[in-house]
C-alpha atoms as a PDB file:
ATOM      1  CA  UNK A   1      26.785  67.125 -14.416  1.00  0.00           C
ATOM      2  CA  UNK A   2      26.804  70.321 -12.346  1.00  0.00           C
ATOM      3  CA  UNK A   3      30.044  72.266 -11.702  1.00  0.00           C
ATOM      4  CA  UNK A   4      31.957  71.495  -8.537  1.00  0.00           C
ATOM      5  CA  UNK A   5      30.541  74.651  -6.852  1.00  0.00           C
ATOM      6  CA  UNK A   6      26.967  73.805  -7.709  1.00  0.00           C
ATOM      7  CA  UNK A   7      27.422  70.247  -6.778  1.00  0.00           C
ATOM      8  CA  UNK A   8      28.759  71.297  -3.325  1.00  0.00           C
ATOM      9  CA  UNK A   9      25.717  73.517  -2.880  1.00  0.00           C
ATOM     10  CA  UNK A  10      23.504  70.749  -3.911  1.00  0.00           C
ATOM     11  CA  UNK A  11      25.043  68.277  -1.376  1.00  0.00           C
ATOM     12  CA  UNK A  12      25.164  70.919   1.418  1.00  0.00           C
ATOM     13  CA  UNK A  13      21.691  69.613   2.380  1.00  0.00           C
ATOM     14  CA  UNK A  14      22.333  66.566   4.604  1.00  0.00           C
ATOM     15  CA  UNK A  15      19.313  64.678   3.293  1.00  0.00           C
ATOM     16  CA  UNK A  16      20.475  64.985  -0.423  1.00  0.00           C
ATOM     17  CA  UNK A  17      23.829  63.910   0.564  1.00  0.00           C
ATOM     18  CA  UNK A  18      22.546  60.836   2.369  1.00  0.00           C
ATOM     19  CA  UNK A  19      20.345  59.999  -0.592  1.00  0.00           C
ATOM     20  CA  UNK A  20      23.214  60.222  -3.051  1.00  0.00           C
ATOM     21  CA  UNK A  21      25.451  58.183  -0.830  1.00  0.00           C
ATOM     22  CA  UNK A  22      22.835  55.401  -0.704  1.00  0.00           C
ATOM     23  CA  UNK A  23      22.082  55.533  -4.522  1.00  0.00           C
ATOM     24  CA  UNK A  24      25.806  55.315  -5.197  1.00  0.00           C
ATOM     25  CA  UNK A  25      25.649  51.831  -3.658  1.00  0.00           C
ATOM     26  CA  UNK A  26      22.276  50.525  -4.976  1.00  0.00           C
ATOM     27  CA  UNK A  27      19.189  51.456  -7.073  1.00  0.00           C
ATOM     28  CA  UNK A  28      16.297  52.049  -4.702  1.00  0.00           C
ATOM     29  CA  UNK A  29      12.624  52.800  -4.892  1.00  0.00           C
ATOM     30  CA  UNK A  30      11.095  55.717  -2.974  1.00  0.00           C
ATOM     31  CA  UNK A  31       9.491  53.256  -0.598  1.00  0.00           C
ATOM     32  CA  UNK A  32      12.751  51.659   0.075  1.00  0.00           C
ATOM     33  CA  UNK A  33      14.396  55.051   0.617  1.00  0.00           C
ATOM     34  CA  UNK A  34      11.625  55.874   3.068  1.00  0.00           C
ATOM     35  CA  UNK A  35      12.409  52.670   4.947  1.00  0.00           C
ATOM     36  CA  UNK A  36      16.077  53.351   5.033  1.00  0.00           C
ATOM     37  CA  UNK A  37      15.934  56.972   5.987  1.00  0.00           C
ATOM     38  CA  UNK A  38      12.741  56.961   8.054  1.00  0.00           C
ATOM     39  CA  UNK A  39      11.465  60.105   6.202  1.00  0.00           C
ATOM     40  CA  UNK A  40       8.194  60.883   4.410  1.00  0.00           C
ATOM     41  CA  UNK A  41       7.581  60.238   0.737  1.00  0.00           C
ATOM     42  CA  UNK A  42       7.028  63.970  -0.218  1.00  0.00           C
ATOM     43  CA  UNK A  43      10.292  65.023   1.277  1.00  0.00           C
ATOM     44  CA  UNK A  44      12.319  62.180  -0.369  1.00  0.00           C
ATOM     45  CA  UNK A  45      10.567  62.744  -3.804  1.00  0.00           C
ATOM     46  CA  UNK A  46      11.454  66.549  -3.514  1.00  0.00           C
ATOM     47  CA  UNK A  47      15.152  65.940  -2.963  1.00  0.00           C
ATOM     48  CA  UNK A  48      15.307  63.242  -5.677  1.00  0.00           C
ATOM     49  CA  UNK A  49      13.779  65.723  -8.208  1.00  0.00           C
ATOM     50  CA  UNK A  50      16.482  68.221  -7.421  1.00  0.00           C
ATOM     51  CA  UNK A  51      19.234  65.624  -7.731  1.00  0.00           C
ATOM     52  CA  UNK A  52      17.686  64.359 -11.058  1.00  0.00           C
ATOM     53  CA  UNK A  53      17.596  67.854 -12.434  1.00  0.00           C
ATOM     54  CA  UNK A  54      21.253  68.283 -11.640  1.00  0.00           C
ATOM     55  CA  UNK A  55      22.161  65.155 -13.485  1.00  0.00           C
ATOM     56  CA  UNK A  56      23.608  63.197 -10.648  1.00  0.00           C
ATOM     57  CA  UNK A  57      20.597  60.877 -10.240  1.00  0.00           C
ATOM     58  CA  UNK A  58      18.701  58.944 -12.867  1.00  0.00           C
ATOM     59  CA  UNK A  59      15.588  56.825 -12.696  1.00  0.00           C
ATOM     60  CA  UNK A  60      14.445  53.490 -14.220  1.00  0.00           C
ATOM     61  CA  UNK A  61      11.048  52.000 -14.433  1.00  0.00           C
ATOM     62  CA  UNK A  62      10.580  48.276 -13.848  1.00  0.00           C
ATOM     63  CA  UNK A  63       7.005  47.281 -14.261  1.00  0.00           C
ATOM     64  CA  UNK A  64       4.984  49.295 -11.744  1.00  0.00           C
ATOM     65  CA  UNK A  65       8.186  50.272  -9.819  1.00  0.00           C
ATOM     66  CA  UNK A  66      10.526  53.231 -10.325  1.00  0.00           C
ATOM     67  CA  UNK A  67      14.088  52.819  -9.070  1.00  0.00           C
ATOM     68  CA  UNK A  68      16.565  55.653  -8.628  1.00  0.00           C
ATOM     69  CA  UNK A  69      20.226  55.301  -8.881  1.00  0.00           C
ATOM     70  CA  UNK A  70      23.369  57.496  -9.202  1.00  0.00           C
ATOM     71  CA  UNK A  71      23.813  58.658 -12.792  1.00  0.00           C
ATOM     72  CA  UNK A  72      26.083  56.356 -14.763  1.00  0.00           C
ATOM     73  CA  UNK A  73      27.135  58.797 -17.473  1.00  0.00           C
ATOM     74  CA  UNK A  74      30.732  59.821 -17.160  1.00  0.00           C
ATOM     75  CA  UNK A  75      30.022  63.486 -18.028  1.00  0.00           C
ATOM     76  CA  UNK A  76      32.528  65.977 -19.212  1.00  0.00           C
ATOM     77  CA  UNK A  77      36.136  66.194 -17.786  1.00  0.00           C
ATOM     78  CA  UNK A  78      35.639  63.234 -15.574  1.00  0.00           C
ATOM     79  CA  UNK A  79      32.700  64.567 -13.778  1.00  0.00           C
ATOM     80  CA  UNK A  80      31.515  61.198 -12.580  1.00  0.00           C
ATOM     81  CA  UNK A  81      34.791  60.582 -10.825  1.00  0.00           C
ATOM     82  CA  UNK A  82      34.614  64.020  -9.367  1.00  0.00           C
ATOM     83  CA  UNK A  83      31.291  63.394  -7.846  1.00  0.00           C
ATOM     84  CA  UNK A  84      32.599  60.029  -6.192  1.00  0.00           C
ATOM     85  CA  UNK A  85      35.513  61.825  -4.802  1.00  0.00           C
ATOM     86  CA  UNK A  86      33.485  64.565  -3.296  1.00  0.00           C
ATOM     87  CA  UNK A  87      31.035  62.045  -1.804  1.00  0.00           C
ATOM     88  CA  UNK A  88      33.872  60.077  -0.308  1.00  0.00           C
ATOM     89  CA  UNK A  89      35.036  63.181   1.404  1.00  0.00           C
ATOM     90  CA  UNK A  90      31.698  64.272   2.599  1.00  0.00           C
ATOM     91  CA  UNK A  91      30.640  60.909   3.831  1.00  0.00           C
ATOM     92  CA  UNK A  92      33.009  61.277   6.757  1.00  0.00           C
ATOM     93  CA  UNK A  93      31.110  64.354   7.840  1.00  0.00           C
ATOM     94  CA  UNK A  94      27.641  62.567   7.912  1.00  0.00           C
ATOM     95  CA  UNK A  95      27.089  60.981  11.353  1.00  0.00           C
ATOM     96  CA  UNK A  96      24.240  58.800   9.925  1.00  0.00           C
ATOM     97  CA  UNK A  97      26.420  57.067   7.349  1.00  0.00           C
ATOM     98  CA  UNK A  98      26.933  53.916   9.353  1.00  0.00           C
ATOM     99  CA  UNK A  99      23.269  53.705  10.324  1.00  0.00           C
ATOM    100  CA  UNK A 100      22.160  54.259   6.671  1.00  0.00           C
ATOM    101  CA  UNK A 101      24.580  51.467   5.541  1.00  0.00           C
ATOM    102  CA  UNK A 102      22.970  49.046   7.953  1.00  0.00           C
ATOM    103  CA  UNK A 103      19.418  50.073   7.121  1.00  0.00           C
ATOM    104  CA  UNK A 104      20.269  49.617   3.423  1.00  0.00           C
ATOM    105  CA  UNK A 105      21.512  46.106   4.050  1.00  0.00           C
ATOM    106  CA  UNK A 106      18.128  45.272   5.764  1.00  0.00           C
ATOM    107  CA  UNK A 107      16.083  46.891   2.975  1.00  0.00           C
ATOM    108  CA  UNK A 108      17.891  44.850   0.321  1.00  0.00           C
ATOM    109  CA  UNK A 109      17.496  41.567   2.362  1.00  0.00           C
ATOM    110  CA  UNK A 110      13.703  42.316   2.624  1.00  0.00           C
ATOM    111  CA  UNK A 111      13.560  42.881  -1.136  1.00  0.00           C
ATOM    112  CA  UNK A 112      15.101  39.485  -1.809  1.00  0.00           C
ATOM    113  CA  UNK A 113      13.310  37.661   1.093  1.00  0.00           C
ATOM    114  CA  UNK A 114      10.147  36.229  -0.650  1.00  0.00           C
ATOM    115  CA  UNK A 115       9.857  33.581   1.914  1.00  0.00           C
ATOM    116  CA  UNK A 116       9.215  36.070   4.697  1.00  0.00           C
ATOM    117  CA  UNK A 117       6.153  37.429   2.888  1.00  0.00           C
ATOM    118  CA  UNK A 118       4.910  33.960   2.380  1.00  0.00           C
ATOM    119  CA  UNK A 119       5.317  32.926   6.066  1.00  0.00           C
ATOM    120  CA  UNK A 120       3.705  36.290   7.247  1.00  0.00           C
ATOM    121  CA  UNK A 121       0.637  35.212   5.189  1.00  0.00           C
ATOM    122  CA  UNK A 122       0.697  31.745   6.769  1.00  0.00           C
ATOM    123  CA  UNK A 123       1.051  33.127  10.271  1.00  0.00           C
ATOM    124  CA  UNK A 124      -1.955  35.382   9.655  1.00  0.00           C
ATOM    125  CA  UNK A 125      -4.074  32.450   8.662  1.00  0.00           C
ATOM    126  CA  UNK A 126      -2.946  30.210  11.525  1.00  0.00           C
ATOM    127  CA  UNK A 127      -5.680  30.103  14.120  1.00  0.00           C
ATOM    128  CA  UNK A 128      -8.153  32.107  12.067  1.00  0.00           C
ATOM    129  CA  UNK A 129     -10.225  29.008  11.498  1.00  0.00           C
ATOM    130  CA  UNK A 130     -10.956  26.535  14.297  1.00  0.00           C
ATOM    131  CA  UNK A 131      -9.259  23.122  13.986  1.00  0.00           C
ATOM    132  CA  UNK A 132      -9.518  20.890  17.065  1.00  0.00           C
ATOM    133  CA  UNK A 133      -6.088  20.532  18.767  1.00  0.00           C
ATOM    134  CA  UNK A 134      -4.309  23.038  16.562  1.00  0.00           C
ATOM    135  CA  UNK A 135      -2.909  26.047  18.553  1.00  0.00           C
ATOM    136  CA  UNK A 136       0.313  28.117  18.860  1.00  0.00           C
ATOM    137  CA  UNK A 137       0.756  26.534  22.334  1.00  0.00           C
ATOM    138  CA  UNK A 138       0.704  23.002  21.045  1.00  0.00           C
ATOM    139  CA  UNK A 139       2.996  23.973  18.212  1.00  0.00           C
ATOM    140  CA  UNK A 140       5.585  25.695  20.575  1.00  0.00           C
ATOM    141  CA  UNK A 141       5.692  22.619  22.696  1.00  0.00           C
ATOM    142  CA  UNK A 142       6.355  20.364  19.802  1.00  0.00           C
ATOM    143  CA  UNK A 143       9.067  22.719  18.400  1.00  0.00           C
ATOM    144  CA  UNK A 144      10.954  23.192  21.768  1.00  0.00           C
ATOM    145  CA  UNK A 145      11.088  19.362  22.114  1.00  0.00           C
ATOM    146  CA  UNK A 146      13.301  19.455  19.019  1.00  0.00           C
ATOM    147  CA  UNK A 147      15.895  21.797  20.617  1.00  0.00           C
ATOM    148  CA  UNK A 148      19.299  20.162  20.822  1.00  0.00           C
ATOM    149  CA  UNK A 149      20.963  19.392  24.165  1.00  0.00           C
ATOM    150  CA  UNK A 150      22.472  22.819  24.707  1.00  0.00           C
ATOM    151  CA  UNK A 151      23.612  24.815  27.651  1.00  0.00           C
ATOM    152  CA  UNK A 152      21.220  27.853  27.532  1.00  0.00           C
ATOM    153  CA  UNK A 153      21.073  31.133  29.469  1.00  0.00           C
ATOM    154  CA  UNK A 154      17.815  33.064  29.721  1.00  0.00           C
ATOM    155  CA  UNK A 155      18.732  36.557  30.581  1.00  0.00           C
ATOM    156  CA  UNK A 156      15.967  38.709  32.228  1.00  0.00           C
ATOM    157  CA  UNK A 157      14.105  35.439  32.697  1.00  0.00           C
ATOM    158  CA  UNK A 158      11.516  36.586  35.291  1.00  0.00           C
ATOM    159  CA  UNK A 159       9.823  33.586  36.782  1.00  0.00           C
ATOM    160  CA  UNK A 160      11.328  31.569  33.958  1.00  0.00           C
ATOM    161  CA  UNK A 161       8.385  30.135  32.036  1.00  0.00           C
ATOM    162  CA  UNK A 162      10.397  29.897  28.929  1.00  0.00           C
ATOM    163  CA  UNK A 163      13.353  28.520  30.804  1.00  0.00           C
ATOM    164  CA  UNK A 164      11.144  25.722  32.133  1.00  0.00           C
ATOM    165  CA  UNK A 165       9.913  24.755  28.695  1.00  0.00           C
ATOM    166  CA  UNK A 166      13.416  24.707  27.356  1.00  0.00           C
ATOM    167  CA  UNK A 167      14.740  22.646  30.375  1.00  0.00           C
ATOM    168  CA  UNK A 168      12.628  19.732  29.166  1.00  0.00           C
ATOM    169  CA  UNK A 169      15.189  19.005  26.440  1.00  0.00           C
ATOM    170  CA  UNK A 170      18.301  21.169  27.062  1.00  0.00           C
ATOM    171  CA  UNK A 171      21.428  19.905  28.694  1.00  0.00           C
ATOM    172  CA  UNK A 172      21.221  22.864  31.230  1.00  0.00           C
ATOM    173  CA  UNK A 173      19.347  26.052  31.501  1.00  0.00           C
ATOM    174  CA  UNK A 174      20.432  29.031  33.666  1.00  0.00           C
ATOM    175  CA  UNK A 175      17.772  31.544  34.319  1.00  0.00           C
ATOM    176  CA  UNK A 176      19.108  35.007  35.304  1.00  0.00           C
ATOM    177  CA  UNK A 177      16.871  37.726  36.779  1.00  0.00           C
ATOM    178  CA  UNK A 178      17.687  40.708  39.097  1.00  0.00           C
ATOM    179  CA  UNK A 179      14.533  40.337  41.187  1.00  0.00           C
ATOM    180  CA  UNK A 180      15.269  38.194  44.399  1.00  0.00           C
ATOM    181  CA  UNK A 181      11.581  37.279  44.633  1.00  0.00           C
ATOM    182  CA  UNK A 182      11.443  36.145  40.902  1.00  0.00           C
ATOM    183  CA  UNK A 183      14.556  33.930  41.429  1.00  0.00           C
ATOM    184  CA  UNK A 184      12.979  32.551  44.724  1.00  0.00           C
ATOM    185  CA  UNK A 185       9.752  31.774  43.093  1.00  0.00           C
ATOM    186  CA  UNK A 186      11.352  30.272  39.974  1.00  0.00           C
ATOM    187  CA  UNK A 187      13.611  28.082  42.007  1.00  0.00           C
ATOM    188  CA  UNK A 188      10.709  26.776  43.958  1.00  0.00           C
ATOM    189  CA  UNK A 189       8.740  26.073  40.793  1.00  0.00           C
ATOM    190  CA  UNK A 190      11.588  24.307  39.207  1.00  0.00           C
ATOM    191  CA  UNK A 191      12.090  22.059  42.227  1.00  0.00           C
ATOM    192  CA  UNK A 192       8.464  21.438  42.357  1.00  0.00           C
ATOM    193  CA  UNK A 193       8.466  20.129  38.882  1.00  0.00           C
ATOM    194  CA  UNK A 194      11.693  18.142  39.189  1.00  0.00           C
ATOM    195  CA  UNK A 195      13.907  20.063  36.914  1.00  0.00           C
ATOM    196  CA  UNK A 196      17.386  19.166  37.996  1.00  0.00           C
ATOM    197  CA  UNK A 197      18.983  20.816  34.854  1.00  0.00           C
ATOM    198  CA  UNK A 198      17.408  24.313  35.622  1.00  0.00           C
ATOM    199  CA  UNK A 199      19.234  26.703  37.744  1.00  0.00           C
ATOM    200  CA  UNK A 200      18.081  30.242  38.742  1.00  0.00           C
ATOM    201  CA  UNK A 201      20.727  32.846  39.568  1.00  0.00           C
ATOM    202  CA  UNK A 202      20.338  36.405  40.809  1.00  0.00           C
ATOM    203  CA  UNK A 203      21.962  38.863  38.541  1.00  0.00           C
ATOM    204  CA  UNK A 204      21.931  41.656  36.037  1.00  0.00           C
ATOM    205  CA  UNK A 205      21.479  40.932  32.372  1.00  0.00           C
ATOM    206  CA  UNK A 206      24.176  43.511  31.653  1.00  0.00           C
ATOM    207  CA  UNK A 207      26.555  41.642  33.792  1.00  0.00           C
ATOM    208  CA  UNK A 208      25.250  38.105  34.278  1.00  0.00           C
ATOM    209  CA  UNK A 209      26.988  35.781  36.721  1.00  0.00           C
ATOM    210  CA  UNK A 210      28.038  33.294  34.080  1.00  0.00           C
ATOM    211  CA  UNK A 211      31.548  32.131  33.253  1.00  0.00           C
ATOM    212  CA  UNK A 212      33.136  33.432  30.014  1.00  0.00           C
ATOM    213  CA  UNK A 213      32.903  31.143  26.890  1.00  0.00           C
ATOM    214  CA  UNK A 214      30.590  28.678  28.655  1.00  0.00           C
ATOM    215  CA  UNK A 215      27.221  28.488  27.039  1.00  0.00           C
ATOM    216  CA  UNK A 216      25.815  27.644  23.643  1.00  0.00           C
ATOM    217  CA  UNK A 217      22.788  29.794  23.432  1.00  0.00           C
ATOM    218  CA  UNK A 218      21.827  33.134  25.083  1.00  0.00           C
ATOM    219  CA  UNK A 219      18.076  34.220  25.085  1.00  0.00           C
ATOM    220  CA  UNK A 220      16.873  37.755  25.669  1.00  0.00           C
ATOM    221  CA  UNK A 221      13.090  37.325  25.413  1.00  0.00           C
ATOM    222  CA  UNK A 222      11.293  40.702  26.059  1.00  0.00           C
ATOM    223  CA  UNK A 223      14.110  41.677  28.365  1.00  0.00           C
ATOM    224  CA  UNK A 224      16.420  43.970  26.398  1.00  0.00           C
ATOM    225  CA  UNK A 225      14.132  46.939  26.627  1.00  0.00           C
ATOM    226  CA  UNK A 226      14.658  46.764  30.404  1.00  0.00           C
ATOM    227  CA  UNK A 227      18.296  47.235  30.224  1.00  0.00           C
ATOM    228  CA  UNK A 228      19.892  50.558  31.182  1.00  0.00           C
ATOM    229  CA  UNK A 229      22.525  50.064  28.505  1.00  0.00           C
ATOM    230  CA  UNK A 230      21.388  47.490  25.922  1.00  0.00           C
ATOM    231  CA  UNK A 231      24.746  47.437  24.274  1.00  0.00           C
ATOM    232  CA  UNK A 232      26.350  46.138  27.452  1.00  0.00           C
ATOM    233  CA  UNK A 233      23.749  43.339  27.670  1.00  0.00           C
ATOM    234  CA  UNK A 234      24.673  42.280  24.149  1.00  0.00           C
ATOM    235  CA  UNK A 235      28.353  42.417  24.756  1.00  0.00           C
ATOM    236  CA  UNK A 236      27.802  40.361  27.972  1.00  0.00           C
ATOM    237  CA  UNK A 237      25.906  37.719  25.847  1.00  0.00           C
ATOM    238  CA  UNK A 238      29.000  37.650  23.587  1.00  0.00           C
ATOM    239  CA  UNK A 239      31.366  37.292  26.427  1.00  0.00           C
ATOM    240  CA  UNK A 240      29.498  34.250  27.940  1.00  0.00           C
ATOM    241  CA  UNK A 241      28.947  32.422  24.699  1.00  0.00           C
ATOM    242  CA  UNK A 242      31.266  29.731  23.346  1.00  0.00           C
ATOM    243  CA  UNK A 243      32.787  30.204  19.931  1.00  0.00           C
ATOM    244  CA  UNK A 244      29.869  29.710  17.260  1.00  0.00           C
ATOM    245  CA  UNK A 245      27.449  30.132  19.985  1.00  0.00           C
ATOM    246  CA  UNK A 246      24.262  31.955  19.243  1.00  0.00           C
ATOM    247  CA  UNK A 247      22.324  34.913  20.744  1.00  0.00           C
ATOM    248  CA  UNK A 248      18.559  35.230  20.152  1.00  0.00           C
ATOM    249  CA  UNK A 249      16.698  38.490  20.979  1.00  0.00           C
ATOM    250  CA  UNK A 250      12.842  38.758  21.030  1.00  0.00           C
ATOM    251  CA  UNK A 251      11.704  42.268  21.741  1.00  0.00           C
ATOM    252  CA  UNK A 252       9.325  44.984  20.843  1.00  0.00           C
ATOM    253  CA  UNK A 253       9.745  46.916  17.692  1.00  0.00           C
ATOM    254  CA  UNK A 254      10.020  50.625  18.189  1.00  0.00           C
ATOM    255  CA  UNK A 255       6.661  52.132  19.240  1.00  0.00           C
ATOM    256  CA  UNK A 256       5.197  55.280  20.887  1.00  0.00           C
ATOM    257  CA  UNK A 257       3.190  53.762  23.657  1.00  0.00           C
ATOM    258  CA  UNK A 258       4.744  55.978  26.518  1.00  0.00           C
ATOM    259  CA  UNK A 259       2.482  54.285  29.180  1.00  0.00           C
ATOM    260  CA  UNK A 260       4.634  51.179  28.776  1.00  0.00           C
ATOM    261  CA  UNK A 261       7.255  52.893  30.966  1.00  0.00           C
ATOM    262  CA  UNK A 262       4.837  53.044  33.889  1.00  0.00           C
ATOM    263  CA  UNK A 263       2.784  49.852  33.124  1.00  0.00           C
ATOM    264  CA  UNK A 264       5.637  47.482  32.460  1.00  0.00           C
ATOM    265  CA  UNK A 265       8.694  49.396  33.717  1.00  0.00           C
ATOM    266  CA  UNK A 266      10.146  49.555  30.251  1.00  0.00           C
ATOM    267  CA  UNK A 267      13.270  51.724  29.817  1.00  0.00           C
ATOM    268  CA  UNK A 268      13.116  51.647  26.064  1.00  0.00           C
ATOM    269  CA  UNK A 269      10.139  51.858  23.772  1.00  0.00           C
ATOM    270  CA  UNK A 270      11.256  48.949  21.678  1.00  0.00           C
ATOM    271  CA  UNK A 271      14.018  48.961  19.139  1.00  0.00           C
ATOM    272  CA  UNK A 272      14.106  49.453  15.486  1.00  0.00           C
ATOM    273  CA  UNK A 273      15.427  46.657  13.073  1.00  0.00           C
ATOM    274  CA  UNK A 274      18.356  48.802  12.248  1.00  0.00           C
ATOM    275  CA  UNK A 275      19.177  49.553  15.919  1.00  0.00           C
ATOM    276  CA  UNK A 276      19.126  45.760  16.861  1.00  0.00           C
ATOM    277  CA  UNK A 277      21.348  45.066  13.839  1.00  0.00           C
ATOM    278  CA  UNK A 278      23.861  47.618  15.012  1.00  0.00           C
ATOM    279  CA  UNK A 279      23.699  46.460  18.609  1.00  0.00           C
ATOM    280  CA  UNK A 280      24.603  42.818  17.543  1.00  0.00           C
ATOM    281  CA  UNK A 281      27.214  43.863  14.970  1.00  0.00           C
ATOM    282  CA  UNK A 282      28.786  46.212  17.609  1.00  0.00           C
ATOM    283  CA  UNK A 283      28.707  43.485  20.178  1.00  0.00           C
ATOM    284  CA  UNK A 284      30.888  41.376  17.932  1.00  0.00           C
ATOM    285  CA  UNK A 285      28.363  38.991  16.358  1.00  0.00           C
ATOM    286  CA  UNK A 286      28.340  37.837  12.760  1.00  0.00           C
ATOM    287  CA  UNK A 287      25.659  36.371  10.527  1.00  0.00           C
ATOM    288  CA  UNK A 288      23.238  38.887  12.075  1.00  0.00           C
ATOM    289  CA  UNK A 289      19.628  38.469  11.020  1.00  0.00           C
ATOM    290  CA  UNK A 290      16.781  40.824  12.065  1.00  0.00           C
ATOM    291  CA  UNK A 291      13.013  40.641  11.130  1.00  0.00           C
ATOM    292  CA  UNK A 292       9.554  41.448  12.322  1.00  0.00           C
ATOM    293  CA  UNK A 293       7.870  38.246  13.296  1.00  0.00           C
ATOM    294  CA  UNK A 294       4.524  39.185  14.903  1.00  0.00           C
ATOM    295  CA  UNK A 295       1.996  41.981  14.769  1.00  0.00           C
ATOM    296  CA  UNK A 296      -0.706  42.597  17.256  1.00  0.00           C
ATOM    297  CA  UNK A 297      -4.259  43.534  15.809  1.00  0.00           C
ATOM    298  CA  UNK A 298      -5.347  45.514  18.938  1.00  0.00           C
ATOM    299  CA  UNK A 299      -4.113  48.844  20.142  1.00  0.00           C
ATOM    300  CA  UNK A 300      -1.398  49.758  20.751  1.00  0.00           C
ATOM    301  CA  UNK A 301      -0.441  47.374  17.969  1.00  0.00           C
ATOM    302  CA  UNK A 302       2.871  46.034  19.339  1.00  0.00           C
ATOM    303  CA  UNK A 303       5.047  44.259  17.036  1.00  0.00           C
ATOM    304  CA  UNK A 304       7.717  41.642  17.876  1.00  0.00           C
ATOM    305  CA  UNK A 305      11.183  41.751  16.291  1.00  0.00           C
ATOM    306  CA  UNK A 306      13.431  38.865  16.213  1.00  0.00           C
ATOM    307  CA  UNK A 307      17.220  39.144  16.028  1.00  0.00           C
ATOM    308  CA  UNK A 308      19.951  36.638  16.146  1.00  0.00           C
ATOM    309  CA  UNK A 309      23.698  36.435  15.516  1.00  0.00           C
ATOM    310  CA  UNK A 310      26.604  33.942  15.899  1.00  0.00           C
ATOM    311  CA  UNK A 311      29.815  34.578  17.966  1.00  0.00           C
END
């Protein structure tokens, strides 16, 4: 173990400090650390080597994987306790600590979630071979018919295609959009198709015209990236939900396709899994789950991220 002075010099670098704070909580591979910190492999490996030489980090091989963790040896004169004490003090000075904690939670969930990998493989095969009558469209209609009789709000609904599908089985669906033309068009379409349980309302997804504690499910389908302040939209969803109600967000994963701002009037270029997790937790939701559920094969290779939480 290094002396206190040398340890402070070592941890003066923010990246090494963040690494050690993470490794104090869990053994992680370089790939997982890349995922959590959003940094390149060479940068992380270089800092790990310095921490390992100083004796504050150790590695362990498991098959083809190498995991790094905080050194377990106590060292001389209670050095292990001294390291932890210093880390606790310095953690307060690192603005990324909360973000890293959330990213770590997601990384560990992915490590354990073998089912996700399996279903990703299934999704990739679905539709690859032609089978008469089998399609995502047919499957979605079948699944939507299984939705319980809930009161649902579709925020940023546009013309309300999803709202109309859900209205076939829901108790009531309220489609909210800030475009008068969209609301007018959707209302006419709903009337034309005889949907008496589907109502269109003009309003902002950040402050929807919905009573507090009045709905079972709030949907934000490819709408959150249009919000000026996404955190306000999430908090509004929490406000209008009943206790144990659920929010569901489908949006784009973070991307660099700047033309989306002009082509689709997007305010945000998607959201990372960590950001969505933080938005839902910050909005008061529990049992938060976030995962990437779709990947486009053509440029710009948009990915769809799914997030959900319970009030």
